[in-house]
Amino acid sequence: MEKQMKAEREKREKILIAEGEKESAIRVAEGEKEAAILRAEAKKQAAIKEAEGQAQAILAVQEATAKGLQMIKDVGADDGLIAIKGLEALEKVGQGASTKIIIPSDLQGIAGLTTTIKEIAKS
């Protein structure tokens, strides 16, 4: 009878140990699951914030460009001023290290404008 009681105690002990290990494994798995969910959520939020930052940067550049164009319009830039700026840009391109230069098709018009500007400057 004593052996039977000892065997019963050992059996209960093994059962309790197994249940404890099972509960421990479940809690560890739940912790890992929650950690994985939190990591994924953090990654998602970081991607959203980065996209919002890029969108704001693009918007700021576009607003600055629009303001610049509005300023040019407000100054009343005529075709002559635009042509002069075009020539200045062409000069800067010519100073570069590139081997190919694209000449605008209306170069003759620009040459005529340059002559007109020279005549105006003389008078």
PDB file of N, CA and C in Angstrom:
ATOM      1  N   MET A   1       0.825  -1.185   0.000  1.00  0.00           N
ATOM      2  CA  MET A   1       0.000   0.000   0.000  1.00  0.00           C
ATOM      3  C   MET A   1       0.877   1.260   0.000  1.00  0.00           C
ATOM      4  N   GLU A   2       1.955   1.175   0.746  1.00  0.00           N
ATOM      5  CA  GLU A   2       2.873   2.303   0.775  1.00  0.00           C
ATOM      6  C   GLU A   2       3.479   2.544  -0.606  1.00  0.00           C
ATOM      7  N   LYS A   3       3.816   1.459  -1.317  1.00  0.00           N
ATOM      8  CA  LYS A   3       4.368   1.585  -2.669  1.00  0.00           C
ATOM      9  C   LYS A   3       3.349   2.208  -3.606  1.00  0.00           C
ATOM     10  N   GLN A   4       2.107   1.824  -3.426  1.00  0.00           N
ATOM     11  CA  GLN A   4       1.041   2.373  -4.275  1.00  0.00           C
ATOM     12  C   GLN A   4       0.878   3.869  -4.025  1.00  0.00           C
ATOM     13  N   MET A   5       0.930   4.281  -2.770  1.00  0.00           N
ATOM     14  CA  MET A   5       0.798   5.704  -2.440  1.00  0.00           C
ATOM     15  C   MET A   5       2.000   6.491  -2.967  1.00  0.00           C
ATOM     16  N   LYS A   6       3.178   5.889  -2.859  1.00  0.00           N
ATOM     17  CA  LYS A   6       4.375   6.550  -3.372  1.00  0.00           C
ATOM     18  C   LYS A   6       4.284   6.716  -4.891  1.00  0.00           C
ATOM     19  N   ALA A   7       3.821   5.679  -5.562  1.00  0.00           N
ATOM     20  CA  ALA A   7       3.670   5.729  -7.020  1.00  0.00           C
ATOM     21  C   ALA A   7       2.644   6.793  -7.413  1.00  0.00           C
ATOM     22  N   GLU A   8       1.568   6.875  -6.620  1.00  0.00           N
ATOM     23  CA  GLU A   8       0.525   7.884  -6.896  1.00  0.00           C
ATOM     24  C   GLU A   8       1.087   9.285  -6.722  1.00  0.00           C
ATOM     25  N   ARG A   9       1.877   9.506  -5.663  1.00  0.00           N
ATOM     26  CA  ARG A   9       2.498  10.826  -5.441  1.00  0.00           C
ATOM     27  C   ARG A   9       3.450  11.178  -6.591  1.00  0.00           C
ATOM     28  N   GLU A  10       4.251  10.219  -7.003  1.00  0.00           N
ATOM     29  CA  GLU A  10       5.188  10.446  -8.104  1.00  0.00           C
ATOM     30  C   GLU A  10       4.439  10.766  -9.397  1.00  0.00           C
ATOM     31  N   LYS A  11       3.332  10.064  -9.586  1.00  0.00           N
ATOM     32  CA  LYS A  11       2.501  10.300 -10.779  1.00  0.00           C
ATOM     33  C   LYS A  11       1.954  11.725 -10.759  1.00  0.00           C
ATOM     34  N   ARG A  12       1.403  12.159  -9.616  1.00  0.00           N
ATOM     35  CA  ARG A  12       0.883  13.525  -9.489  1.00  0.00           C
ATOM     36  C   ARG A  12       1.994  14.560  -9.670  1.00  0.00           C
ATOM     37  N   GLU A  13       3.169  14.244  -9.119  1.00  0.00           N
ATOM     38  CA  GLU A  13       4.307  15.149  -9.248  1.00  0.00           C
ATOM     39  C   GLU A  13       4.690  15.324 -10.727  1.00  0.00           C
ATOM     40  N   LYS A  14       4.759  14.230 -11.461  1.00  0.00           N
ATOM     41  CA  LYS A  14       5.096  14.294 -12.890  1.00  0.00           C
ATOM     42  C   LYS A  14       4.040  15.077 -13.667  1.00  0.00           C
ATOM     43  N   ILE A  15       2.779  14.851 -13.300  1.00  0.00           N
ATOM     44  CA  ILE A  15       1.689  15.576 -13.959  1.00  0.00           C
ATOM     45  C   ILE A  15       1.811  17.082 -13.699  1.00  0.00           C
ATOM     46  N   LEU A  16       2.058  17.443 -12.453  1.00  0.00           N
ATOM     47  CA  LEU A  16       2.193  18.859 -12.106  1.00  0.00           C
ATOM     48  C   LEU A  16       3.397  19.493 -12.812  1.00  0.00           C
ATOM     49  N   ILE A  17       4.504  18.766 -12.871  1.00  0.00           N
ATOM     50  CA  ILE A  17       5.691  19.274 -13.559  1.00  0.00           C
ATOM     51  C   ILE A  17       5.385  19.476 -15.045  1.00  0.00           C
ATOM     52  N   ALA A  18       4.724  18.499 -15.652  1.00  0.00           N
ATOM     53  CA  ALA A  18       4.384  18.591 -17.080  1.00  0.00           C
ATOM     54  C   ALA A  18       3.442  19.756 -17.330  1.00  0.00           C
ATOM     55  N   GLU A  19       2.445  19.932 -16.457  1.00  0.00           N
ATOM     56  CA  GLU A  19       1.518  21.048 -16.623  1.00  0.00           C
ATOM     57  C   GLU A  19       2.241  22.385 -16.456  1.00  0.00           C
ATOM     58  N   GLY A  20       3.180  22.448 -15.517  1.00  0.00           N
ATOM     59  CA  GLY A  20       3.966  23.671 -15.320  1.00  0.00           C
ATOM     60  C   GLY A  20       4.813  23.991 -16.546  1.00  0.00           C
ATOM     61  N   GLU A  21       5.450  22.962 -17.111  1.00  0.00           N
ATOM     62  CA  GLU A  21       6.249  23.162 -18.323  1.00  0.00           C
ATOM     63  C   GLU A  21       5.374  23.603 -19.500  1.00  0.00           C
ATOM     64  N   LYS A  22       4.188  22.996 -19.582  1.00  0.00           N
ATOM     65  CA  LYS A  22       3.242  23.356 -20.645  1.00  0.00           C
ATOM     66  C   LYS A  22       2.839  24.821 -20.497  1.00  0.00           C
ATOM     67  N   GLU A  23       2.468  25.229 -19.292  1.00  0.00           N
ATOM     68  CA  GLU A  23       2.055  26.618 -19.027  1.00  0.00           C
ATOM     69  C   GLU A  23       3.202  27.584 -19.325  1.00  0.00           C
ATOM     70  N   SER A  24       4.402  27.198 -18.952  1.00  0.00           N
ATOM     71  CA  SER A  24       5.580  28.029 -19.204  1.00  0.00           C
ATOM     72  C   SER A  24       5.805  28.204 -20.717  1.00  0.00           C
ATOM     73  N   ALA A  25       5.705  27.105 -21.452  1.00  0.00           N
ATOM     74  CA  ALA A  25       5.893  27.159 -22.907  1.00  0.00           C
ATOM     75  C   ALA A  25       4.825  28.038 -23.566  1.00  0.00           C
ATOM     76  N   ILE A  26       3.598  27.930 -23.077  1.00  0.00           N
ATOM     77  CA  ILE A  26       2.511  28.748 -23.625  1.00  0.00           C
ATOM     78  C   ILE A  26       2.777  30.227 -23.374  1.00  0.00           C
ATOM     79  N   ARG A  27       3.199  30.566 -22.172  1.00  0.00           N
ATOM     80  CA  ARG A  27       3.464  31.971 -21.837  1.00  0.00           C
ATOM     81  C   ARG A  27       4.647  32.523 -22.639  1.00  0.00           C
ATOM     82  N   VAL A  28       5.670  31.698 -22.827  1.00  0.00           N
ATOM     83  CA  VAL A  28       6.814  32.133 -23.637  1.00  0.00           C
ATOM     84  C   VAL A  28       6.365  32.383 -25.077  1.00  0.00           C
ATOM     85  N   ALA A  29       5.562  31.475 -25.619  1.00  0.00           N
ATOM     86  CA  ALA A  29       5.072  31.629 -26.991  1.00  0.00           C
ATOM     87  C   ALA A  29       4.199  32.875 -27.119  1.00  0.00           C
ATOM     88  N   GLU A  30       3.340  33.123 -26.145  1.00  0.00           N
ATOM     89  CA  GLU A  30       2.495  34.321 -26.174  1.00  0.00           C
ATOM     90  C   GLU A  30       3.348  35.589 -26.106  1.00  0.00           C
ATOM     91  N   GLY A  31       4.394  35.563 -25.293  1.00  0.00           N
ATOM     92  CA  GLY A  31       5.302  36.709 -25.208  1.00  0.00           C
ATOM     93  C   GLY A  31       6.006  36.967 -26.533  1.00  0.00           C
ATOM     94  N   GLU A  32       6.477  35.898 -27.172  1.00  0.00           N
ATOM     95  CA  GLU A  32       7.130  36.042 -28.472  1.00  0.00           C
ATOM     96  C   GLU A  32       6.152  36.571 -29.523  1.00  0.00           C
ATOM     97  N   LYS A  33       4.917  36.093 -29.458  1.00  0.00           N
ATOM     98  CA  LYS A  33       3.890  36.554 -30.394  1.00  0.00           C
ATOM     99  C   LYS A  33       3.642  38.052 -30.219  1.00  0.00           C
ATOM    100  N   GLU A  34       3.474  38.486 -28.974  1.00  0.00           N
ATOM    101  CA  GLU A  34       3.230  39.908 -28.712  1.00  0.00           C
ATOM    102  C   GLU A  34       4.430  40.759 -29.119  1.00  0.00           C
ATOM    103  N   ALA A  35       5.639  40.249 -28.885  1.00  0.00           N
ATOM    104  CA  ALA A  35       6.847  40.986 -29.280  1.00  0.00           C
ATOM    105  C   ALA A  35       6.911  41.121 -30.804  1.00  0.00           C
ATOM    106  N   ALA A  36       6.585  40.056 -31.524  1.00  0.00           N
ATOM    107  CA  ALA A  36       6.596  40.096 -32.986  1.00  0.00           C
ATOM    108  C   ALA A  36       5.555  41.088 -33.507  1.00  0.00           C
ATOM    109  N   ILE A  37       4.391  41.112 -32.886  1.00  0.00           N
ATOM    110  CA  ILE A  37       3.337  42.046 -33.290  1.00  0.00           C
ATOM    111  C   ILE A  37       3.788  43.482 -33.047  1.00  0.00           C
ATOM    112  N   LEU A  38       4.395  43.731 -31.903  1.00  0.00           N
ATOM    113  CA  LEU A  38       4.869  45.079 -31.583  1.00  0.00           C
ATOM    114  C   LEU A  38       5.986  45.518 -32.534  1.00  0.00           C
ATOM    115  N   ARG A  39       6.885  44.587 -32.885  1.00  0.00           N
ATOM    116  CA  ARG A  39       7.953  44.923 -33.835  1.00  0.00           C
ATOM    117  C   ARG A  39       7.359  45.269 -35.199  1.00  0.00           C
ATOM    118  N   ALA A  40       6.371  44.489 -35.643  1.00  0.00           N
ATOM    119  CA  ALA A  40       5.736  44.752 -36.931  1.00  0.00           C
ATOM    120  C   ALA A  40       5.009  46.094 -36.919  1.00  0.00           C
ATOM    121  N   GLU A  41       4.342  46.389 -35.832  1.00  0.00           N
ATOM    122  CA  GLU A  41       3.625  47.667 -35.702  1.00  0.00           C
ATOM    123  C   GLU A  41       4.615  48.834 -35.711  1.00  0.00           C
ATOM    124  N   ALA A  42       5.744  48.681 -35.042  1.00  0.00           N
ATOM    125  CA  ALA A  42       6.767  49.733 -35.030  1.00  0.00           C
ATOM    126  C   ALA A  42       7.334  49.949 -36.427  1.00  0.00           C
ATOM    127  N   LYS A  43       7.562  48.856 -37.136  1.00  0.00           N
ATOM    128  CA  LYS A  43       8.075  48.952 -38.512  1.00  0.00           C
ATOM    129  C   LYS A  43       7.060  49.670 -39.407  1.00  0.00           C
ATOM    130  N   LYS A  44       5.802  49.343 -39.227  1.00  0.00           N
ATOM    131  CA  LYS A  44       4.731  49.973 -40.005  1.00  0.00           C
ATOM    132  C   LYS A  44       4.686  51.473 -39.720  1.00  0.00           C
ATOM    133  N   GLN A  45       4.729  51.848 -38.451  1.00  0.00           N
ATOM    134  CA  GLN A  45       4.685  53.261 -38.076  1.00  0.00           C
ATOM    135  C   GLN A  45       5.902  54.014 -38.620  1.00  0.00           C
ATOM    136  N   ALA A  46       7.068  53.369 -38.585  1.00  0.00           N
ATOM    137  CA  ALA A  46       8.277  54.006 -39.116  1.00  0.00           C
ATOM    138  C   ALA A  46       8.136  54.245 -40.621  1.00  0.00           C
ATOM    139  N   ALA A  47       7.583  53.274 -41.335  1.00  0.00           N
ATOM    140  CA  ALA A  47       7.384  53.426 -42.782  1.00  0.00           C
ATOM    141  C   ALA A  47       6.387  54.547 -43.077  1.00  0.00           C
ATOM    142  N   ILE A  48       5.341  54.632 -42.279  1.00  0.00           N
ATOM    143  CA  ILE A  48       4.344  55.696 -42.463  1.00  0.00           C
ATOM    144  C   ILE A  48       4.974  57.058 -42.220  1.00  0.00           C
ATOM    145  N   LYS A  49       5.733  57.182 -41.138  1.00  0.00           N
ATOM    146  CA  LYS A  49       6.374  58.464 -40.814  1.00  0.00           C
ATOM    147  C   LYS A  49       7.376  58.861 -41.897  1.00  0.00           C
ATOM    148  N   GLU A  50       8.123  57.891 -42.412  1.00  0.00           N
ATOM    149  CA  GLU A  50       9.093  58.189 -43.469  1.00  0.00           C
ATOM    150  C   GLU A  50       8.375  58.667 -44.733  1.00  0.00           C
ATOM    151  N   ALA A  51       7.276  58.007 -45.076  1.00  0.00           N
ATOM    152  CA  ALA A  51       6.511  58.407 -46.254  1.00  0.00           C
ATOM    153  C   ALA A  51       5.919  59.805 -46.063  1.00  0.00           C
ATOM    154  N   GLU A  52       5.428  60.094 -44.863  1.00  0.00           N
ATOM    155  CA  GLU A  52       4.889  61.431 -44.588  1.00  0.00           C
ATOM    156  C   GLU A  52       5.980  62.491 -44.708  1.00  0.00           C
ATOM    157  N   GLY A  53       7.177  62.174 -44.224  1.00  0.00           N
ATOM    158  CA  GLY A  53       8.300  63.104 -44.331  1.00  0.00           C
ATOM    159  C   GLY A  53       8.674  63.371 -45.773  1.00  0.00           C
ATOM    160  N   GLN A  54       8.708  62.317 -46.580  1.00  0.00           N
ATOM    161  CA  GLN A  54       9.020  62.488 -47.996  1.00  0.00           C
ATOM    162  C   GLN A  54       7.936  63.311 -48.693  1.00  0.00           C
ATOM    163  N   ALA A  55       6.693  63.077 -48.343  1.00  0.00           N
ATOM    164  CA  ALA A  55       5.594  63.833 -48.943  1.00  0.00           C
ATOM    165  C   ALA A  55       5.710  65.316 -48.579  1.00  0.00           C
ATOM    166  N   GLN A  56       6.054  65.607 -47.332  1.00  0.00           N
ATOM    167  CA  GLN A  56       6.212  67.006 -46.916  1.00  0.00           C
ATOM    168  C   GLN A  56       7.388  67.663 -47.633  1.00  0.00           C
ATOM    169  N   ALA A  57       8.471  66.909 -47.833  1.00  0.00           N
ATOM    170  CA  ALA A  57       9.630  67.457 -48.543  1.00  0.00           C
ATOM    171  C   ALA A  57       9.268  67.775 -49.997  1.00  0.00           C
ATOM    172  N   ILE A  58       8.557  66.879 -50.638  1.00  0.00           N
ATOM    173  CA  ILE A  58       8.128  67.111 -52.026  1.00  0.00           C
ATOM    174  C   ILE A  58       7.213  68.321 -52.087  1.00  0.00           C
ATOM    175  N   LEU A  59       6.290  68.420 -51.144  1.00  0.00           N
ATOM    176  CA  LEU A  59       5.367  69.548 -51.116  1.00  0.00           C
ATOM    177  C   LEU A  59       6.126  70.860 -50.916  1.00  0.00           C
ATOM    178  N   ALA A  60       7.121  70.871 -50.029  1.00  0.00           N
ATOM    179  CA  ALA A  60       7.903  72.087 -49.784  1.00  0.00           C
ATOM    180  C   ALA A  60       8.659  72.513 -51.038  1.00  0.00           C
ATOM    181  N   VAL A  61       9.230  71.555 -51.757  1.00  0.00           N
ATOM    182  CA  VAL A  61       9.946  71.878 -52.997  1.00  0.00           C
ATOM    183  C   VAL A  61       8.976  72.436 -54.035  1.00  0.00           C
ATOM    184  N   GLN A  62       7.824  71.824 -54.159  1.00  0.00           N
ATOM    185  CA  GLN A  62       6.844  72.294 -55.145  1.00  0.00           C
ATOM    186  C   GLN A  62       6.328  73.689 -54.789  1.00  0.00           C
ATOM    187  N   GLU A  63       6.118  73.939 -53.497  1.00  0.00           N
ATOM    188  CA  GLU A  63       5.664  75.266 -53.069  1.00  0.00           C
ATOM    189  C   GLU A  63       6.730  76.318 -53.356  1.00  0.00           C
ATOM    190  N   ALA A  64       8.000  75.973 -53.108  1.00  0.00           N
ATOM    191  CA  ALA A  64       9.093  76.907 -53.384  1.00  0.00           C
ATOM    192  C   ALA A  64       9.184  77.194 -54.881  1.00  0.00           C
ATOM    193  N   THR A  65       9.021  76.165 -55.693  1.00  0.00           N
ATOM    194  CA  THR A  65       9.048  76.353 -57.147  1.00  0.00           C
ATOM    195  C   THR A  65       7.893  77.247 -57.584  1.00  0.00           C
ATOM    196  N   ALA A  66       6.723  77.014 -57.032  1.00  0.00           N
ATOM    197  CA  ALA A  66       5.560  77.826 -57.381  1.00  0.00           C
ATOM    198  C   ALA A  66       5.772  79.285 -56.967  1.00  0.00           C
ATOM    199  N   LYS A  67       6.349  79.493 -55.778  1.00  0.00           N
ATOM    200  CA  LYS A  67       6.620  80.866 -55.330  1.00  0.00           C
ATOM    201  C   LYS A  67       7.641  81.533 -56.243  1.00  0.00           C
ATOM    202  N   GLY A  68       8.661  80.789 -56.652  1.00  0.00           N
ATOM    203  CA  GLY A  68       9.663  81.335 -57.564  1.00  0.00           C
ATOM    204  C   GLY A  68       9.056  81.731 -58.891  1.00  0.00           C
ATOM    205  N   LEU A  69       8.204  80.885 -59.411  1.00  0.00           N
ATOM    206  CA  LEU A  69       7.538  81.201 -60.684  1.00  0.00           C
ATOM    207  C   LEU A  69       6.611  82.412 -60.524  1.00  0.00           C
ATOM    208  N   GLN A  70       5.935  82.483 -59.378  1.00  0.00           N
ATOM    209  CA  GLN A  70       5.056  83.625 -59.131  1.00  0.00           C
ATOM    210  C   GLN A  70       5.875  84.911 -59.037  1.00  0.00           C
ATOM    211  N   MET A  71       7.046  84.846 -58.405  1.00  0.00           N
ATOM    212  CA  MET A  71       7.909  86.022 -58.301  1.00  0.00           C
ATOM    213  C   MET A  71       8.370  86.485 -59.691  1.00  0.00           C
ATOM    214  N   ILE A  72       8.728  85.544 -60.537  1.00  0.00           N
ATOM    215  CA  ILE A  72       9.138  85.894 -61.906  1.00  0.00           C
ATOM    216  C   ILE A  72       7.974  86.552 -62.636  1.00  0.00           C
ATOM    217  N   LYS A  73       6.793  86.001 -62.447  1.00  0.00           N
ATOM    218  CA  LYS A  73       5.607  86.567 -63.097  1.00  0.00           C
ATOM    219  C   LYS A  73       5.327  87.965 -62.561  1.00  0.00           C
ATOM    220  N   ASP A  74       5.453  88.158 -61.240  1.00  0.00           N
ATOM    221  CA  ASP A  74       5.186  89.458 -60.625  1.00  0.00           C
ATOM    222  C   ASP A  74       6.179  90.520 -61.081  1.00  0.00           C
ATOM    223  N   VAL A  75       7.422  90.108 -61.319  1.00  0.00           N
ATOM    224  CA  VAL A  75       8.439  91.047 -61.782  1.00  0.00           C
ATOM    225  C   VAL A  75       8.113  91.509 -63.199  1.00  0.00           C
ATOM    226  N   GLY A  76       7.367  90.722 -63.894  1.00  0.00           N
ATOM    227  CA  GLY A  76       6.986  91.082 -65.260  1.00  0.00           C
ATOM    228  C   GLY A  76       8.068  90.707 -66.253  1.00  0.00           C
ATOM    229  N   ALA A  77       8.670  89.558 -66.041  1.00  0.00           N
ATOM    230  CA  ALA A  77       9.724  89.105 -66.943  1.00  0.00           C
ATOM    231  C   ALA A  77       9.155  88.929 -68.341  1.00  0.00           C
ATOM    232  N   ASP A  78       9.748  89.643 -69.292  1.00  0.00           N
ATOM    233  CA  ASP A  78       9.297  89.520 -70.673  1.00  0.00           C
ATOM    234  C   ASP A  78      10.167  88.514 -71.410  1.00  0.00           C
ATOM    235  N   ASP A  79       9.902  88.354 -72.679  1.00  0.00           N
ATOM    236  CA  ASP A  79      10.646  87.380 -73.479  1.00  0.00           C
ATOM    237  C   ASP A  79      12.130  87.718 -73.535  1.00  0.00           C
ATOM    238  N   GLY A  80      12.459  88.994 -73.522  1.00  0.00           N
ATOM    239  CA  GLY A  80      13.860  89.393 -73.574  1.00  0.00           C
ATOM    240  C   GLY A  80      14.628  88.910 -72.353  1.00  0.00           C
ATOM    241  N   LEU A  81      14.061  89.111 -71.168  1.00  0.00           N
ATOM    242  CA  LEU A  81      14.721  88.676 -69.947  1.00  0.00           C
ATOM    243  C   LEU A  81      14.854  87.157 -69.920  1.00  0.00           C
ATOM    244  N   ILE A  82      13.809  86.487 -70.340  1.00  0.00           N
ATOM    245  CA  ILE A  82      13.851  85.024 -70.365  1.00  0.00           C
ATOM    246  C   ILE A  82      14.923  84.546 -71.339  1.00  0.00           C
ATOM    247  N   ALA A  83      15.055  85.223 -72.485  1.00  0.00           N
ATOM    248  CA  ALA A  83      16.078  84.845 -73.460  1.00  0.00           C
ATOM    249  C   ALA A  83      17.471  85.077 -72.894  1.00  0.00           C
ATOM    250  N   ILE A  84      17.667  86.186 -72.185  1.00  0.00           N
ATOM    251  CA  ILE A  84      18.976  86.465 -71.575  1.00  0.00           C
ATOM    252  C   ILE A  84      19.309  85.380 -70.562  1.00  0.00           C
ATOM    253  N   LYS A  85      18.352  85.023 -69.733  1.00  0.00           N
ATOM    254  CA  LYS A  85      18.581  83.961 -68.750  1.00  0.00           C
ATOM    255  C   LYS A  85      18.887  82.644 -69.459  1.00  0.00           C
ATOM    256  N   GLY A  86      18.240  82.421 -70.593  1.00  0.00           N
ATOM    257  CA  GLY A  86      18.515  81.220 -71.374  1.00  0.00           C
ATOM    258  C   GLY A  86      19.943  81.220 -71.893  1.00  0.00           C
ATOM    259  N   LEU A  87      20.408  82.366 -72.358  1.00  0.00           N
ATOM    260  CA  LEU A  87      21.794  82.476 -72.821  1.00  0.00           C
ATOM    261  C   LEU A  87      22.776  82.253 -71.677  1.00  0.00           C
ATOM    262  N   GLU A  88      22.456  82.804 -70.506  1.00  0.00           N
ATOM    263  CA  GLU A  88      23.324  82.593 -69.343  1.00  0.00           C
ATOM    264  C   GLU A  88      23.392  81.113 -68.983  1.00  0.00           C
ATOM    265  N   ALA A  89      22.262  80.448 -69.044  1.00  0.00           N
ATOM    266  CA  ALA A  89      22.242  79.014 -68.755  1.00  0.00           C
ATOM    267  C   ALA A  89      23.035  78.254 -69.811  1.00  0.00           C
ATOM    268  N   LEU A  90      22.915  78.668 -71.078  1.00  0.00           N
ATOM    269  CA  LEU A  90      23.647  78.024 -72.162  1.00  0.00           C
ATOM    270  C   LEU A  90      25.154  78.208 -71.960  1.00  0.00           C
ATOM    271  N   GLU A  91      25.548  79.392 -71.468  1.00  0.00           N
ATOM    272  CA  GLU A  91      26.960  79.655 -71.192  1.00  0.00           C
ATOM    273  C   GLU A  91      27.473  78.720 -70.093  1.00  0.00           C
ATOM    274  N   LYS A  92      26.677  78.532 -69.051  1.00  0.00           N
ATOM    275  CA  LYS A  92      27.081  77.630 -67.966  1.00  0.00           C
ATOM    276  C   LYS A  92      27.197  76.191 -68.466  1.00  0.00           C
ATOM    277  N   VAL A  93      26.290  75.801 -69.345  1.00  0.00           N
ATOM    278  CA  VAL A  93      26.353  74.450 -69.898  1.00  0.00           C
ATOM    279  C   VAL A  93      27.618  74.294 -70.719  1.00  0.00           C
ATOM    280  N   GLY A  94      27.982  75.329 -71.471  1.00  0.00           N
ATOM    281  CA  GLY A  94      29.184  75.279 -72.299  1.00  0.00           C
ATOM    282  C   GLY A  94      30.456  75.180 -71.489  1.00  0.00           C
ATOM    283  N   GLN A  95      30.427  75.644 -70.252  1.00  0.00           N
ATOM    284  CA  GLN A  95      31.610  75.593 -69.405  1.00  0.00           C
ATOM    285  C   GLN A  95      31.812  74.225 -68.761  1.00  0.00           C
ATOM    286  N   GLY A  96      30.838  73.356 -68.871  1.00  0.00           N
ATOM    287  CA  GLY A  96      30.922  72.038 -68.246  1.00  0.00           C
ATOM    288  C   GLY A  96      31.905  71.131 -68.952  1.00  0.00           C
ATOM    289  N   ALA A  97      32.115  69.959 -68.384  1.00  0.00           N
ATOM    290  CA  ALA A  97      33.062  68.996 -68.936  1.00  0.00           C
ATOM    291  C   ALA A  97      32.430  68.080 -69.977  1.00  0.00           C
ATOM    292  N   SER A  98      31.182  68.300 -70.302  1.00  0.00           N
ATOM    293  CA  SER A  98      30.512  67.422 -71.257  1.00  0.00           C
ATOM    294  C   SER A  98      31.057  67.645 -72.663  1.00  0.00           C
ATOM    295  N   THR A  99      30.864  66.652 -73.498  1.00  0.00           N
ATOM    296  CA  THR A  99      31.369  66.746 -74.872  1.00  0.00           C
ATOM    297  C   THR A  99      30.255  67.051 -75.866  1.00  0.00           C
ATOM    298  N   LYS A 100      29.023  67.035 -75.428  1.00  0.00           N
ATOM    299  CA  LYS A 100      27.894  67.306 -76.315  1.00  0.00           C
ATOM    300  C   LYS A 100      27.118  68.498 -75.788  1.00  0.00           C
ATOM    301  N   ILE A 101      26.805  69.424 -76.676  1.00  0.00           N
ATOM    302  CA  ILE A 101      25.996  70.576 -76.307  1.00  0.00           C
ATOM    303  C   ILE A 101      24.794  70.595 -77.236  1.00  0.00           C
ATOM    304  N   ILE A 102      23.624  70.734 -76.662  1.00  0.00           N
ATOM    305  CA  ILE A 102      22.399  70.793 -77.450  1.00  0.00           C
ATOM    306  C   ILE A 102      22.083  72.262 -77.698  1.00  0.00           C
ATOM    307  N   ILE A 103      22.000  72.623 -78.955  1.00  0.00           N
ATOM    308  CA  ILE A 103      21.712  74.001 -79.348  1.00  0.00           C
ATOM    309  C   ILE A 103      20.211  74.109 -79.625  1.00  0.00           C
ATOM    310  N   PRO A 104      19.531  75.090 -79.028  1.00  0.00           N
ATOM    311  CA  PRO A 104      18.095  75.232 -79.273  1.00  0.00           C
ATOM    312  C   PRO A 104      17.811  75.555 -80.740  1.00  0.00           C
ATOM    313  N   SER A 105      16.672  75.120 -81.218  1.00  0.00           N
ATOM    314  CA  SER A 105      16.319  75.338 -82.626  1.00  0.00           C
ATOM    315  C   SER A 105      16.036  76.806 -82.911  1.00  0.00           C
ATOM    316  N   ASP A 106      15.695  77.578 -81.912  1.00  0.00           N
ATOM    317  CA  ASP A 106      15.417  78.990 -82.134  1.00  0.00           C
ATOM    318  C   ASP A 106      16.646  79.853 -81.848  1.00  0.00           C
ATOM    319  N   LEU A 107      17.835  79.312 -82.126  1.00  0.00           N
ATOM    320  CA  LEU A 107      19.080  80.028 -81.877  1.00  0.00           C
ATOM    321  C   LEU A 107      19.138  81.315 -82.688  1.00  0.00           C
ATOM    322  N   GLN A 108      18.596  81.299 -83.890  1.00  0.00           N
ATOM    323  CA  GLN A 108      18.607  82.503 -84.721  1.00  0.00           C
ATOM    324  C   GLN A 108      17.798  83.606 -84.048  1.00  0.00           C
ATOM    325  N   GLY A 109      16.695  83.245 -83.422  1.00  0.00           N
ATOM    326  CA  GLY A 109      15.891  84.230 -82.699  1.00  0.00           C
ATOM    327  C   GLY A 109      16.661  84.804 -81.518  1.00  0.00           C
ATOM    328  N   ILE A 110      17.435  83.960 -80.857  1.00  0.00           N
ATOM    329  CA  ILE A 110      18.240  84.421 -79.723  1.00  0.00           C
ATOM    330  C   ILE A 110      19.329  85.368 -80.212  1.00  0.00           C
ATOM    331  N   ALA A 111      19.929  85.024 -81.357  1.00  0.00           N
ATOM    332  CA  ALA A 111      20.962  85.902 -81.925  1.00  0.00           C
ATOM    333  C   ALA A 111      20.369  87.261 -82.274  1.00  0.00           C
ATOM    334  N   GLY A 112      19.187  87.259 -82.844  1.00  0.00           N
ATOM    335  CA  GLY A 112      18.515  88.522 -83.169  1.00  0.00           C
ATOM    336  C   GLY A 112      18.207  89.309 -81.913  1.00  0.00           C
ATOM    337  N   LEU A 113      17.817  88.634 -80.858  1.00  0.00           N
ATOM    338  CA  LEU A 113      17.533  89.301 -79.593  1.00  0.00           C
ATOM    339  C   LEU A 113      18.798  89.936 -79.031  1.00  0.00           C
ATOM    340  N   THR A 114      19.897  89.198 -79.131  1.00  0.00           N
ATOM    341  CA  THR A 114      21.189  89.734 -78.638  1.00  0.00           C
ATOM    342  C   THR A 114      21.538  91.010 -79.379  1.00  0.00           C
ATOM    343  N   THR A 115      21.352  91.031 -80.695  1.00  0.00           N
ATOM    344  CA  THR A 115      21.614  92.236 -81.501  1.00  0.00           C
ATOM    345  C   THR A 115      20.710  93.369 -81.035  1.00  0.00           C
ATOM    346  N   THR A 116      19.462  93.091 -80.797  1.00  0.00           N
ATOM    347  CA  THR A 116      18.511  94.118 -80.343  1.00  0.00           C
ATOM    348  C   THR A 116      18.936  94.679 -78.993  1.00  0.00           C
ATOM    349  N   ILE A 117      19.373  93.800 -78.111  1.00  0.00           N
ATOM    350  CA  ILE A 117      19.805  94.259 -76.770  1.00  0.00           C
ATOM    351  C   ILE A 117      21.026  95.158 -76.897  1.00  0.00           C
ATOM    352  N   LYS A 118      21.961  94.781 -77.767  1.00  0.00           N
ATOM    353  CA  LYS A 118      23.148  95.619 -77.975  1.00  0.00           C
ATOM    354  C   LYS A 118      22.759  96.996 -78.487  1.00  0.00           C
ATOM    355  N   GLU A 119      21.795  97.044 -79.415  1.00  0.00           N
ATOM    356  CA  GLU A 119      21.360  98.320 -79.978  1.00  0.00           C
ATOM    357  C   GLU A 119      20.682  99.177 -78.900  1.00  0.00           C
ATOM    358  N   ILE A 120      19.909  98.550 -78.042  1.00  0.00           N
ATOM    359  CA  ILE A 120      19.238  99.285 -76.973  1.00  0.00           C
ATOM    360  C   ILE A 120      20.274  99.824 -75.985  1.00  0.00           C
ATOM    361  N   ALA A 121      21.294  99.023 -75.708  1.00  0.00           N
ATOM    362  CA  ALA A 121      22.326  99.449 -74.775  1.00  0.00           C
ATOM    363  C   ALA A 121      23.110 100.625 -75.317  1.00  0.00           C
ATOM    364  N   LYS A 122      23.298 100.722 -76.650  1.00  0.00           N
ATOM    365  CA  LYS A 122      24.027 101.824 -77.265  1.00  0.00           C
ATOM    366  C   LYS A 122      23.258 103.125 -77.173  1.00  0.00           C
ATOM    367  N   SER A 123      21.930 103.021 -77.243  1.00  0.00           N
ATOM    368  CA  SER A 123      21.142 104.254 -77.241  1.00  0.00           C
ATOM    369  C   SER A 123      20.778 104.726 -75.888  1.00  0.00           C
TER     370      SER A 123
END
